[in-house]
């Protein structure tokens, strides 16, 4: 089953806009008013987490993909993590101020409860990330990265807004606990 319609996060309640897509009717823990990477007092709650900031250049999307692949090399979801990291990084560079002179983006990776979480934080600007699904326009050569990610992910979401930046994240099933 493909993802359903976006589920909005009420900006009046949390000060930011966001949405997520679910593949089924499971509990939408990933759609809380905090990003799934938010942890209290820096504690990871038993999860393993990594973050790395990259310069906002297109060649750095490939570097982000390699970084993710190295960390998940022994995981059955390494290919999916690598693809999602690269797509989200490329989107941050192409569609936010992260891709402007001096811009940066940050790749966040986490393994928690059998899930791999992959997220990219951008610097905002230029609108809100959205999944484009236009089956009638097969001539598009770009603009389908989040659609591909949504088909791989159990949950896909956006936290933030154009003023403060976005964290676009995906949750992938099948990540075993990893020993650092």
N, C-alpha and C. Protein backbone atom coordinates (compact mmCIF):
# COMPACT_ATOMS: atom_id res chain seq x y z
N UNK A 1 0.85 -1.17 0.00
CA UNK A 1 0.00 0.00 0.00
C UNK A 1 0.89 1.23 0.00
N UNK A 2 0.58 2.19 -0.80
CA UNK A 2 1.34 3.44 -0.85
C UNK A 2 0.97 4.35 0.29
N UNK A 3 1.74 5.40 0.48
CA UNK A 3 1.46 6.32 1.57
C UNK A 3 0.14 7.03 1.35
N UNK A 4 -0.49 7.38 2.46
CA UNK A 4 -1.74 8.12 2.39
C UNK A 4 -1.47 9.59 2.22
N UNK A 5 -2.52 10.39 2.35
CA UNK A 5 -2.34 11.84 2.20
C UNK A 5 -1.52 12.40 3.35
N UNK A 6 -0.89 13.55 3.17
CA UNK A 6 -0.12 14.16 4.25
C UNK A 6 -1.00 14.41 5.46
N UNK A 7 -0.43 14.17 6.63
CA UNK A 7 -1.11 14.46 7.88
C UNK A 7 -0.48 15.72 8.44
N UNK A 8 -1.24 16.82 8.53
CA UNK A 8 -0.63 18.07 8.97
C UNK A 8 -0.34 18.09 10.45
N UNK A 9 0.70 18.81 10.80
CA UNK A 9 1.00 19.13 12.19
C UNK A 9 0.53 20.55 12.40
N UNK A 10 -0.24 20.79 13.40
CA UNK A 10 -0.84 22.10 13.64
C UNK A 10 0.21 23.09 14.12
N UNK A 11 0.57 24.09 13.28
CA UNK A 11 1.60 25.04 13.69
C UNK A 11 1.19 25.91 14.87
N UNK A 12 -0.08 26.06 15.11
CA UNK A 12 -0.53 26.86 16.26
C UNK A 12 -0.16 26.19 17.58
N UNK A 13 -0.03 24.87 17.55
CA UNK A 13 0.29 24.14 18.78
C UNK A 13 1.78 24.08 19.06
N UNK A 14 2.60 24.08 18.01
CA UNK A 14 4.02 23.87 18.24
C UNK A 14 4.90 24.94 17.62
N UNK A 15 4.35 25.88 16.89
CA UNK A 15 5.14 26.97 16.33
C UNK A 15 5.81 26.66 15.02
N UNK A 16 5.64 25.44 14.52
CA UNK A 16 6.21 25.08 13.23
C UNK A 16 5.18 24.31 12.43
N UNK A 17 5.34 24.30 11.15
CA UNK A 17 4.47 23.51 10.29
C UNK A 17 5.17 22.21 9.95
N UNK A 18 4.42 21.20 9.65
CA UNK A 18 5.01 19.94 9.25
C UNK A 18 3.96 18.97 8.76
N UNK A 19 4.41 17.83 8.28
CA UNK A 19 3.52 16.80 7.83
C UNK A 19 4.29 15.49 7.82
N UNK A 20 3.58 14.40 7.73
CA UNK A 20 4.24 13.11 7.53
C UNK A 20 3.31 12.21 6.75
N UNK A 21 3.86 11.18 6.17
CA UNK A 21 3.09 10.18 5.44
C UNK A 21 3.29 8.84 6.13
N UNK A 22 2.23 8.09 6.27
CA UNK A 22 2.27 6.75 6.85
C UNK A 22 1.86 5.74 5.80
N UNK A 23 2.44 4.56 5.85
CA UNK A 23 2.05 3.51 4.92
C UNK A 23 0.78 2.80 5.40
N UNK A 24 0.48 2.84 6.67
CA UNK A 24 -0.71 2.16 7.18
C UNK A 24 -1.32 2.99 8.30
N UNK A 25 -2.24 2.40 9.02
CA UNK A 25 -2.93 3.13 10.08
C UNK A 25 -2.26 2.97 11.44
N UNK A 26 -0.99 2.61 11.46
CA UNK A 26 -0.27 2.43 12.72
C UNK A 26 -0.19 3.75 13.48
N UNK A 27 0.13 3.65 14.74
CA UNK A 27 0.27 4.84 15.56
C UNK A 27 1.28 5.78 14.93
N UNK A 28 0.96 7.03 14.89
CA UNK A 28 1.79 8.01 14.20
C UNK A 28 2.76 8.68 15.17
N UNK A 29 3.58 7.89 15.83
CA UNK A 29 4.52 8.48 16.79
C UNK A 29 5.47 9.43 16.10
N UNK A 30 5.80 9.19 14.85
CA UNK A 30 6.72 10.05 14.12
C UNK A 30 6.12 11.41 13.79
N UNK A 31 4.84 11.57 13.99
CA UNK A 31 4.18 12.83 13.65
C UNK A 31 3.95 13.68 14.89
N UNK A 32 4.67 13.42 15.93
CA UNK A 32 4.54 14.24 17.12
C UNK A 32 4.99 15.66 16.80
N UNK A 33 4.82 16.56 17.73
CA UNK A 33 5.18 17.95 17.48
C UNK A 33 6.68 18.18 17.58
N UNK A 34 7.43 17.15 17.91
CA UNK A 34 8.89 17.21 17.88
C UNK A 34 9.37 16.30 16.76
N UNK A 35 10.52 16.59 16.24
CA UNK A 35 11.04 15.70 15.21
C UNK A 35 11.39 14.36 15.88
N UNK A 36 11.45 13.28 15.12
CA UNK A 36 11.80 11.99 15.71
C UNK A 36 13.23 11.94 16.21
N UNK A 37 14.05 12.93 15.85
CA UNK A 37 15.42 12.98 16.31
C UNK A 37 15.56 13.74 17.63
N UNK A 38 14.49 14.39 18.07
CA UNK A 38 14.55 15.18 19.30
C UNK A 38 14.63 14.25 20.50
N UNK A 39 15.61 14.48 21.34
CA UNK A 39 15.74 13.71 22.57
C UNK A 39 16.02 14.68 23.72
N UNK A 40 15.49 14.37 24.86
CA UNK A 40 15.64 15.26 26.01
C UNK A 40 17.06 15.24 26.55
N UNK A 41 17.57 16.39 26.86
CA UNK A 41 18.88 16.55 27.51
C UNK A 41 20.00 15.83 26.79
N UNK A 42 19.89 15.67 25.48
CA UNK A 42 20.96 15.06 24.71
C UNK A 42 21.04 13.55 24.84
N UNK A 43 20.15 12.95 25.60
CA UNK A 43 20.16 11.50 25.75
C UNK A 43 19.54 10.88 24.50
N UNK A 44 20.04 9.74 24.10
CA UNK A 44 19.51 9.08 22.91
C UNK A 44 18.51 7.99 23.24
N UNK A 45 18.21 7.76 24.52
CA UNK A 45 17.21 6.77 24.87
C UNK A 45 17.53 5.38 24.37
N UNK A 46 18.80 4.97 24.38
CA UNK A 46 19.18 3.65 23.91
C UNK A 46 19.42 3.57 22.42
N UNK A 47 19.22 4.64 21.70
CA UNK A 47 19.44 4.65 20.26
C UNK A 47 20.88 5.04 19.96
N UNK A 48 21.34 4.64 18.80
CA UNK A 48 22.63 5.09 18.31
C UNK A 48 22.37 6.20 17.32
N UNK A 49 23.08 7.32 17.45
CA UNK A 49 22.81 8.48 16.61
C UNK A 49 24.11 9.10 16.13
N UNK A 50 24.08 9.58 14.88
CA UNK A 50 25.20 10.26 14.27
C UNK A 50 24.69 11.49 13.54
N UNK A 51 25.48 12.54 13.53
CA UNK A 51 25.17 13.74 12.75
C UNK A 51 26.46 14.27 12.15
N UNK A 52 26.34 14.81 10.95
CA UNK A 52 27.49 15.43 10.30
C UNK A 52 26.99 16.56 9.42
N UNK A 53 27.67 17.69 9.50
CA UNK A 53 27.32 18.86 8.69
C UNK A 53 28.24 18.91 7.47
N UNK A 54 27.63 19.18 6.31
CA UNK A 54 28.34 19.21 5.04
C UNK A 54 28.17 20.58 4.40
N UNK A 55 29.15 21.02 3.59
CA UNK A 55 28.96 22.24 2.79
C UNK A 55 27.79 22.05 1.82
N UNK A 56 27.07 23.09 1.53
CA UNK A 56 25.90 23.02 0.67
C UNK A 56 26.21 23.01 -0.81
N UNK A 57 27.00 22.06 -1.25
CA UNK A 57 27.36 21.91 -2.66
C UNK A 57 26.85 20.55 -3.14
N UNK A 58 26.49 20.45 -4.43
CA UNK A 58 25.93 19.20 -4.96
C UNK A 58 26.86 18.01 -4.79
N UNK A 59 28.16 18.20 -4.88
CA UNK A 59 29.07 17.07 -4.68
C UNK A 59 28.99 16.51 -3.27
N UNK A 60 28.48 17.29 -2.34
CA UNK A 60 28.38 16.85 -0.95
C UNK A 60 27.20 15.92 -0.71
N UNK A 61 26.23 15.87 -1.63
CA UNK A 61 25.16 14.88 -1.53
C UNK A 61 25.76 13.48 -1.65
N UNK A 62 26.72 13.33 -2.55
CA UNK A 62 27.41 12.05 -2.70
C UNK A 62 28.22 11.73 -1.45
N UNK A 63 28.86 12.73 -0.86
CA UNK A 63 29.62 12.51 0.38
C UNK A 63 28.69 12.09 1.52
N UNK A 64 27.51 12.68 1.58
CA UNK A 64 26.53 12.31 2.61
C UNK A 64 26.07 10.87 2.40
N UNK A 65 25.85 10.48 1.15
CA UNK A 65 25.47 9.10 0.84
C UNK A 65 26.55 8.12 1.30
N UNK A 66 27.80 8.46 1.00
CA UNK A 66 28.91 7.57 1.41
C UNK A 66 29.01 7.47 2.93
N UNK A 67 28.85 8.60 3.62
CA UNK A 67 28.90 8.62 5.09
C UNK A 67 27.84 7.68 5.65
N UNK A 68 26.61 7.78 5.14
CA UNK A 68 25.53 6.91 5.59
C UNK A 68 25.82 5.45 5.28
N UNK A 69 26.36 5.17 4.09
CA UNK A 69 26.64 3.79 3.69
C UNK A 69 27.70 3.16 4.57
N UNK A 70 28.70 3.92 4.96
CA UNK A 70 29.75 3.39 5.84
C UNK A 70 29.16 3.03 7.20
N UNK A 71 28.32 3.91 7.74
CA UNK A 71 27.74 3.65 9.07
C UNK A 71 26.78 2.47 9.06
N UNK A 72 26.09 2.24 7.95
CA UNK A 72 25.10 1.17 7.87
C UNK A 72 25.59 -0.01 7.02
N UNK A 73 26.92 -0.12 6.84
CA UNK A 73 27.50 -1.12 5.93
C UNK A 73 27.03 -2.54 6.23
N UNK A 74 26.85 -2.90 7.48
CA UNK A 74 26.45 -4.26 7.84
C UNK A 74 24.96 -4.41 8.08
N UNK A 75 24.20 -3.41 7.71
CA UNK A 75 22.75 -3.43 7.94
C UNK A 75 22.02 -3.89 6.68
N UNK A 76 20.92 -4.62 6.85
CA UNK A 76 20.15 -5.01 5.67
C UNK A 76 19.47 -3.84 4.95
N UNK A 77 19.45 -2.66 5.56
CA UNK A 77 18.83 -1.50 4.92
C UNK A 77 19.87 -0.50 4.42
N UNK A 78 21.11 -0.94 4.22
CA UNK A 78 22.17 -0.03 3.80
C UNK A 78 21.83 0.67 2.48
N UNK A 79 21.30 -0.06 1.51
CA UNK A 79 20.99 0.55 0.22
C UNK A 79 19.90 1.61 0.35
N UNK A 80 18.88 1.32 1.14
CA UNK A 80 17.79 2.27 1.34
C UNK A 80 18.27 3.50 2.09
N UNK A 81 19.08 3.30 3.13
CA UNK A 81 19.62 4.43 3.89
C UNK A 81 20.48 5.31 3.00
N UNK A 82 21.31 4.69 2.18
CA UNK A 82 22.18 5.43 1.27
C UNK A 82 21.36 6.26 0.27
N UNK A 83 20.34 5.65 -0.32
CA UNK A 83 19.51 6.36 -1.29
C UNK A 83 18.77 7.52 -0.63
N UNK A 84 18.17 7.27 0.54
CA UNK A 84 17.41 8.32 1.22
C UNK A 84 18.33 9.47 1.63
N UNK A 85 19.49 9.15 2.17
CA UNK A 85 20.44 10.20 2.56
C UNK A 85 20.82 11.06 1.37
N UNK A 86 21.11 10.44 0.23
CA UNK A 86 21.49 11.18 -0.96
C UNK A 86 20.36 12.04 -1.51
N UNK A 87 19.14 11.50 -1.54
CA UNK A 87 17.99 12.26 -2.05
C UNK A 87 17.68 13.45 -1.15
N UNK A 88 17.66 13.23 0.16
CA UNK A 88 17.34 14.33 1.07
C UNK A 88 18.43 15.41 1.05
N UNK A 89 19.69 14.98 0.94
CA UNK A 89 20.78 15.96 0.85
C UNK A 89 20.68 16.76 -0.44
N UNK A 90 20.45 16.10 -1.55
CA UNK A 90 20.32 16.81 -2.83
C UNK A 90 19.16 17.79 -2.80
N UNK A 91 18.04 17.39 -2.19
CA UNK A 91 16.89 18.29 -2.08
C UNK A 91 17.23 19.52 -1.25
N UNK A 92 17.94 19.33 -0.14
CA UNK A 92 18.32 20.47 0.71
C UNK A 92 19.19 21.45 -0.08
N UNK A 93 20.09 20.92 -0.88
CA UNK A 93 21.00 21.78 -1.66
C UNK A 93 20.25 22.50 -2.77
N UNK A 94 19.39 21.77 -3.47
CA UNK A 94 18.68 22.36 -4.63
C UNK A 94 17.52 23.26 -4.25
N UNK A 95 16.85 22.98 -3.13
CA UNK A 95 15.58 23.64 -2.85
C UNK A 95 15.56 24.49 -1.58
N UNK A 96 16.71 24.75 -0.99
CA UNK A 96 16.75 25.61 0.19
C UNK A 96 17.97 26.52 0.11
N UNK A 97 18.07 27.42 1.04
CA UNK A 97 19.22 28.30 1.06
C UNK A 97 20.50 27.57 1.47
N UNK A 98 20.39 26.31 1.83
CA UNK A 98 21.60 25.51 2.10
C UNK A 98 22.49 25.44 0.88
N UNK A 99 21.91 25.53 -0.32
CA UNK A 99 22.68 25.45 -1.55
C UNK A 99 23.29 26.76 -2.01
N UNK A 100 23.06 27.81 -1.25
CA UNK A 100 23.65 29.11 -1.60
C UNK A 100 25.07 29.22 -1.04
N UNK A 101 25.79 30.22 -1.51
CA UNK A 101 27.17 30.46 -1.06
C UNK A 101 27.26 30.42 0.46
N UNK A 102 28.13 29.58 0.98
CA UNK A 102 28.33 29.47 2.43
C UNK A 102 27.29 28.62 3.14
N UNK A 103 26.34 28.06 2.40
CA UNK A 103 25.29 27.24 3.02
C UNK A 103 25.80 25.88 3.44
N UNK A 104 25.05 25.25 4.33
CA UNK A 104 25.37 23.92 4.83
C UNK A 104 24.06 23.13 4.99
N UNK A 105 24.21 21.82 5.13
CA UNK A 105 23.10 20.95 5.53
C UNK A 105 23.67 19.94 6.50
N UNK A 106 22.81 19.40 7.34
CA UNK A 106 23.25 18.42 8.33
C UNK A 106 22.50 17.11 8.12
N UNK A 107 23.25 16.03 8.01
CA UNK A 107 22.69 14.68 7.90
C UNK A 107 22.60 14.09 9.30
N UNK A 108 21.42 13.59 9.66
CA UNK A 108 21.20 12.93 10.94
C UNK A 108 20.83 11.48 10.67
N UNK A 109 21.46 10.56 11.38
CA UNK A 109 21.18 9.14 11.25
C UNK A 109 20.97 8.55 12.64
N UNK A 110 19.99 7.67 12.76
CA UNK A 110 19.73 7.07 14.06
C UNK A 110 19.20 5.65 13.86
N UNK A 111 19.58 4.75 14.75
CA UNK A 111 19.00 3.42 14.81
C UNK A 111 18.30 3.32 16.15
N UNK A 112 17.00 3.02 16.10
CA UNK A 112 16.20 2.94 17.33
C UNK A 112 15.08 1.94 17.11
N UNK A 113 14.96 0.98 18.01
CA UNK A 113 13.84 0.03 18.02
C UNK A 113 13.63 -0.64 16.66
N UNK A 114 14.71 -1.07 16.01
CA UNK A 114 14.60 -1.75 14.73
C UNK A 114 14.31 -0.84 13.55
N UNK A 115 14.41 0.46 13.76
CA UNK A 115 14.17 1.43 12.70
C UNK A 115 15.43 2.21 12.41
N UNK A 116 15.64 2.52 11.15
CA UNK A 116 16.69 3.46 10.76
C UNK A 116 16.00 4.78 10.46
N UNK A 117 16.42 5.83 11.13
CA UNK A 117 15.90 7.17 10.87
C UNK A 117 16.97 7.95 10.11
N UNK A 118 16.58 8.53 8.99
CA UNK A 118 17.48 9.32 8.16
C UNK A 118 16.85 10.69 8.00
N UNK A 119 17.58 11.73 8.36
CA UNK A 119 17.04 13.08 8.22
C UNK A 119 18.09 14.05 7.75
N UNK A 120 17.64 15.08 7.06
CA UNK A 120 18.52 16.16 6.63
C UNK A 120 17.89 17.48 7.04
N UNK A 121 18.69 18.28 7.74
CA UNK A 121 18.26 19.63 8.15
C UNK A 121 18.85 20.64 7.19
N UNK A 122 17.98 21.49 6.64
CA UNK A 122 18.44 22.54 5.74
C UNK A 122 18.33 23.90 6.42
N UNK A 123 18.69 24.94 5.70
CA UNK A 123 18.67 26.30 6.25
C UNK A 123 17.38 27.05 5.96
N UNK A 124 16.41 26.38 5.33
CA UNK A 124 15.11 27.01 5.07
C UNK A 124 15.08 27.81 3.79
N UNK A 125 14.07 28.67 3.70
CA UNK A 125 13.87 29.45 2.49
C UNK A 125 13.22 28.63 1.39
N UNK A 126 12.77 29.28 0.36
CA UNK A 126 12.28 28.64 -0.87
C UNK A 126 11.12 27.66 -0.69
N UNK A 127 10.26 27.83 0.28
CA UNK A 127 9.06 27.00 0.38
C UNK A 127 9.19 25.82 1.31
N UNK A 128 8.20 24.95 1.25
CA UNK A 128 8.11 23.78 2.13
C UNK A 128 8.26 22.52 1.28
N UNK A 129 9.13 21.59 1.70
CA UNK A 129 9.29 20.34 0.95
C UNK A 129 7.96 19.60 0.82
N UNK A 130 7.71 19.03 -0.35
CA UNK A 130 6.46 18.30 -0.59
C UNK A 130 6.70 17.15 -1.55
N UNK A 131 5.93 16.08 -1.37
CA UNK A 131 5.98 14.94 -2.27
C UNK A 131 5.16 15.29 -3.51
N UNK A 132 5.80 15.19 -4.68
CA UNK A 132 5.11 15.45 -5.95
C UNK A 132 4.75 14.12 -6.58
N UNK A 133 3.48 13.94 -6.86
CA UNK A 133 3.02 12.70 -7.47
C UNK A 133 2.15 13.07 -8.66
N UNK A 134 2.78 13.21 -9.81
CA UNK A 134 2.07 13.60 -11.02
C UNK A 134 2.26 12.50 -12.06
N UNK A 135 1.44 11.42 -11.98
CA UNK A 135 1.64 10.30 -12.89
C UNK A 135 1.41 10.64 -14.36
N UNK A 136 0.71 11.74 -14.64
CA UNK A 136 0.44 12.11 -16.03
C UNK A 136 1.63 12.81 -16.68
N UNK A 137 2.52 13.39 -15.88
CA UNK A 137 3.66 14.11 -16.43
C UNK A 137 4.90 13.24 -16.33
N UNK A 138 5.09 12.39 -17.31
CA UNK A 138 6.23 11.47 -17.29
C UNK A 138 7.49 12.11 -17.84
N UNK A 139 7.40 13.35 -18.32
CA UNK A 139 8.56 14.03 -18.88
C UNK A 139 9.41 14.73 -17.82
N UNK A 140 8.94 14.75 -16.57
CA UNK A 140 9.73 15.39 -15.52
C UNK A 140 11.02 14.61 -15.30
N UNK A 141 12.15 15.30 -15.34
CA UNK A 141 13.41 14.63 -15.06
C UNK A 141 13.85 14.86 -13.62
N UNK A 142 13.16 15.77 -12.94
CA UNK A 142 13.46 16.07 -11.53
C UNK A 142 12.14 16.20 -10.78
N UNK A 143 12.26 16.29 -9.45
CA UNK A 143 11.08 16.58 -8.65
C UNK A 143 10.38 15.35 -8.11
N UNK A 144 11.02 14.19 -8.23
CA UNK A 144 10.38 12.97 -7.75
C UNK A 144 11.18 12.28 -6.64
N UNK A 145 12.17 12.99 -6.10
CA UNK A 145 13.02 12.40 -5.06
C UNK A 145 12.25 12.04 -3.81
N UNK A 146 11.41 12.95 -3.31
CA UNK A 146 10.63 12.65 -2.11
C UNK A 146 9.58 11.58 -2.38
N UNK A 147 9.10 11.47 -3.60
CA UNK A 147 8.17 10.40 -3.94
C UNK A 147 8.88 9.05 -3.82
N UNK A 148 10.09 8.96 -4.35
CA UNK A 148 10.87 7.72 -4.23
C UNK A 148 11.14 7.40 -2.77
N UNK A 149 11.51 8.41 -1.99
CA UNK A 149 11.77 8.20 -0.56
C UNK A 149 10.49 7.73 0.14
N UNK A 150 9.35 8.33 -0.20
CA UNK A 150 8.09 7.96 0.45
C UNK A 150 7.72 6.52 0.17
N UNK A 151 8.14 6.00 -0.96
CA UNK A 151 7.83 4.60 -1.29
C UNK A 151 8.72 3.62 -0.56
N UNK A 152 9.90 4.07 -0.14
CA UNK A 152 10.81 3.22 0.63
C UNK A 152 10.52 3.28 2.13
N UNK A 153 10.07 4.42 2.59
CA UNK A 153 9.96 4.69 4.02
C UNK A 153 8.63 4.23 4.59
N UNK A 154 8.67 3.78 5.85
CA UNK A 154 7.43 3.52 6.58
C UNK A 154 6.74 4.81 6.93
N UNK A 155 7.55 5.83 7.24
CA UNK A 155 7.04 7.17 7.55
C UNK A 155 8.00 8.18 6.96
N UNK A 156 7.45 9.26 6.43
CA UNK A 156 8.23 10.36 5.89
C UNK A 156 7.64 11.63 6.46
N UNK A 157 8.48 12.55 6.91
CA UNK A 157 7.94 13.77 7.50
C UNK A 157 8.82 14.97 7.31
N UNK A 158 8.23 16.13 7.61
CA UNK A 158 8.93 17.41 7.56
C UNK A 158 8.63 18.13 8.86
N UNK A 159 9.64 18.67 9.46
CA UNK A 159 9.52 19.46 10.69
C UNK A 159 10.21 20.78 10.43
N UNK A 160 9.59 21.88 10.76
CA UNK A 160 10.21 23.19 10.60
C UNK A 160 9.42 24.08 9.67
N UNK A 161 10.08 25.13 9.19
CA UNK A 161 9.43 26.07 8.28
C UNK A 161 10.51 26.81 7.49
N UNK A 162 10.11 27.58 6.46
CA UNK A 162 11.11 28.26 5.64
C UNK A 162 11.97 29.28 6.39
N UNK A 163 11.49 29.79 7.51
CA UNK A 163 12.26 30.80 8.25
C UNK A 163 13.39 30.20 9.07
N UNK A 164 13.15 29.05 9.70
CA UNK A 164 14.16 28.46 10.58
C UNK A 164 14.83 27.24 9.98
N UNK A 165 14.31 26.75 8.87
CA UNK A 165 14.85 25.55 8.24
C UNK A 165 13.93 24.37 8.44
N UNK A 166 14.21 23.32 7.69
CA UNK A 166 13.41 22.10 7.74
C UNK A 166 14.29 20.92 8.12
N UNK A 167 13.70 19.98 8.81
CA UNK A 167 14.28 18.66 8.97
C UNK A 167 13.34 17.73 8.21
N UNK A 168 13.80 17.20 7.09
CA UNK A 168 13.04 16.22 6.33
C UNK A 168 13.59 14.86 6.74
N UNK A 169 12.70 13.95 7.13
CA UNK A 169 13.16 12.68 7.69
C UNK A 169 12.34 11.51 7.17
N UNK A 170 12.98 10.35 7.19
CA UNK A 170 12.33 9.11 6.78
C UNK A 170 12.69 8.02 7.78
N UNK A 171 11.75 7.15 7.97
CA UNK A 171 11.89 6.03 8.90
C UNK A 171 11.86 4.75 8.08
N UNK A 172 12.90 3.92 8.21
CA UNK A 172 13.00 2.68 7.45
C UNK A 172 12.99 1.50 8.40
N UNK A 173 12.14 0.52 8.12
CA UNK A 173 12.08 -0.69 8.94
C UNK A 173 13.24 -1.62 8.63
N UNK A 174 13.59 -2.46 9.60
CA UNK A 174 14.55 -3.51 9.35
C UNK A 174 15.97 -3.22 9.74
N UNK A 175 16.21 -2.17 10.51
CA UNK A 175 17.57 -1.87 10.95
C UNK A 175 17.84 -2.59 12.26
N UNK A 176 18.78 -3.52 12.27
CA UNK A 176 19.07 -4.23 13.51
C UNK A 176 19.83 -3.34 14.48
N UNK A 177 19.81 -3.67 15.76
CA UNK A 177 20.65 -2.90 16.70
C UNK A 177 22.10 -3.00 16.24
N UNK A 178 22.81 -1.90 16.33
CA UNK A 178 24.18 -1.85 15.86
C UNK A 178 25.11 -1.57 17.04
N UNK A 179 26.26 -2.18 17.02
CA UNK A 179 27.27 -1.97 18.06
C UNK A 179 28.26 -0.96 17.53
N UNK A 180 28.46 0.19 18.26
CA UNK A 180 29.41 1.19 17.76
C UNK A 180 30.83 0.68 17.77
